[in-house]
Amino acid sequence: MKIVSSLLSFVVVTLTFASLSWAEAPAPDKIGVVECDDFLTKYEACLSSKVPEASRAALKQSLDQTRTSWKQAAANEQTKGTLATACKQATDSAKQTTAAFGCTW
């Protein structure tokens, strides 16, 4: 049963990727702005590996809200250009605030 389930998952993923063009929009969890995607990847790694469980949920919720906001900004040509700077600032701020947890950037 487990093998069948794994095989079915593989087929679905393979068919999904086969139907996509490489020129399409970024993956659903990506913003499409390098600085923002880097921030999200590093912050998530910090959350999952360094932040105590008691604090993790609130920080994860905040990160999810940030991701949603950045996705909306990236979808708007008038605001997309501001994201690189905003994400660099978020990274600088997060470096300081997550240092107490032992996170490295």
Protein backbone atom coordinates (compact mmCIF):
# COMPACT_ATOMS: atom_id res chain seq x y z
CA MET A 1 0.00 0.00 0.00
CA LYS A 2 2.80 2.42 0.91
CA ILE A 3 4.60 1.66 -2.36
CA VAL A 4 1.43 2.27 -4.36
CA SER A 5 0.86 5.56 -2.58
CA SER A 6 4.46 6.64 -3.19
CA LEU A 7 4.26 5.64 -6.83
CA LEU A 8 1.00 7.52 -7.28
CA SER A 9 2.53 10.63 -5.69
CA PHE A 10 5.53 10.35 -8.01
CA VAL A 11 3.29 10.09 -11.08
CA VAL A 12 1.24 13.11 -10.04
CA VAL A 13 4.36 15.19 -9.40
CA THR A 14 5.93 14.08 -12.67
CA LEU A 15 2.81 14.93 -14.67
CA THR A 16 2.51 18.27 -12.92
CA PHE A 17 6.09 19.22 -13.75
CA ALA A 18 5.76 17.94 -17.29
CA SER A 19 2.81 20.25 -17.88
CA LEU A 20 4.62 23.34 -16.64
CA SER A 21 6.78 25.69 -18.62
CA TRP A 22 10.07 26.82 -17.09
CA ALA A 23 9.13 30.39 -17.97
CA GLU A 24 6.07 30.39 -15.73
CA ALA A 25 5.69 32.20 -12.42
CA PRO A 26 7.81 31.19 -9.42
CA ALA A 27 6.84 28.25 -7.25
CA PRO A 28 3.85 28.93 -4.98
CA ASP A 29 6.07 29.49 -1.94
CA LYS A 30 8.41 31.85 -3.82
CA ILE A 31 7.98 35.56 -4.33
CA GLY A 32 10.03 35.86 -7.50
CA VAL A 33 12.41 38.46 -6.05
CA VAL A 34 15.76 36.95 -5.07
CA GLU A 35 16.18 39.02 -1.92
CA CYS A 36 12.73 38.04 -0.68
CA ASP A 37 13.07 34.37 -1.54
CA ASP A 38 16.46 34.25 0.21
CA PHE A 39 14.99 35.90 3.30
CA LEU A 40 12.07 33.46 3.44
CA THR A 41 14.32 30.42 3.02
CA LYS A 42 16.76 31.54 5.71
CA TYR A 43 14.07 32.66 8.14
CA GLU A 44 12.20 29.38 7.77
CA ALA A 45 15.43 27.47 8.41
CA CYS A 46 15.99 29.55 11.54
CA LEU A 47 12.44 28.92 12.73
CA SER A 48 12.57 25.19 12.21
CA SER A 49 16.04 24.60 13.63
CA LYS A 50 16.70 27.22 16.29
CA VAL A 51 13.52 28.81 17.61
CA PRO A 52 11.93 27.09 20.62
CA GLU A 53 8.61 25.39 19.92
CA ALA A 54 6.79 27.77 22.27
CA SER A 55 7.74 30.77 20.10
CA ARG A 56 7.61 29.10 16.71
CA ALA A 57 3.86 29.32 15.95
CA ALA A 58 3.60 33.08 16.39
CA LEU A 59 6.71 33.72 14.33
CA LYS A 60 5.53 31.32 11.61
CA GLN A 61 2.18 33.13 11.45
CA SER A 62 3.97 36.45 11.09
CA LEU A 63 6.18 35.00 8.35
CA ASP A 64 3.13 33.67 6.50
CA GLN A 65 1.55 37.14 6.61
CA THR A 66 4.76 38.67 5.31
CA ARG A 67 4.91 36.13 2.47
CA THR A 68 1.30 36.91 1.50
CA SER A 69 1.97 40.64 1.54
CA TRP A 70 5.11 40.26 -0.57
CA LYS A 71 3.31 38.02 -3.07
CA GLN A 72 0.66 40.70 -3.49
CA ALA A 73 3.31 43.37 -3.96
CA ALA A 74 5.17 41.19 -6.48
CA ALA A 75 1.99 40.73 -8.50
CA ASN A 76 1.64 44.49 -8.90
CA GLU A 77 4.10 46.04 -11.37
CA GLN A 78 3.89 49.36 -9.51
CA THR A 79 5.08 47.86 -6.21
CA LYS A 80 7.27 44.95 -7.33
CA GLY A 81 10.28 47.24 -7.78
CA THR A 82 10.25 48.17 -4.09
CA LEU A 83 10.49 44.58 -2.85
CA ALA A 84 14.24 44.03 -3.19
CA THR A 85 14.97 46.93 -0.85
CA ALA A 86 12.19 45.96 1.57
CA CYS A 87 13.42 42.37 1.72
CA LYS A 88 17.03 43.47 2.28
CA GLN A 89 15.80 45.59 5.19
CA ALA A 90 13.80 42.64 6.55
CA THR A 91 16.93 40.49 6.35
CA ASP A 92 19.01 43.06 8.21
CA SER A 93 16.35 43.32 10.91
CA ALA A 94 15.93 39.55 11.18
CA LYS A 95 19.68 39.06 11.56
CA GLN A 96 19.51 41.12 14.73
CA THR A 97 16.26 39.76 16.13
CA THR A 98 17.10 36.10 15.52
CA ALA A 99 20.65 36.29 16.83
CA ALA A 100 19.31 35.50 20.31
CA PHE A 101 18.17 32.13 18.97
CA GLY A 102 21.58 31.43 17.45
CA CYS A 103 20.43 31.80 13.85
CA THR A 104 23.06 32.60 11.26
CA TRP A 105 22.49 34.40 8.00
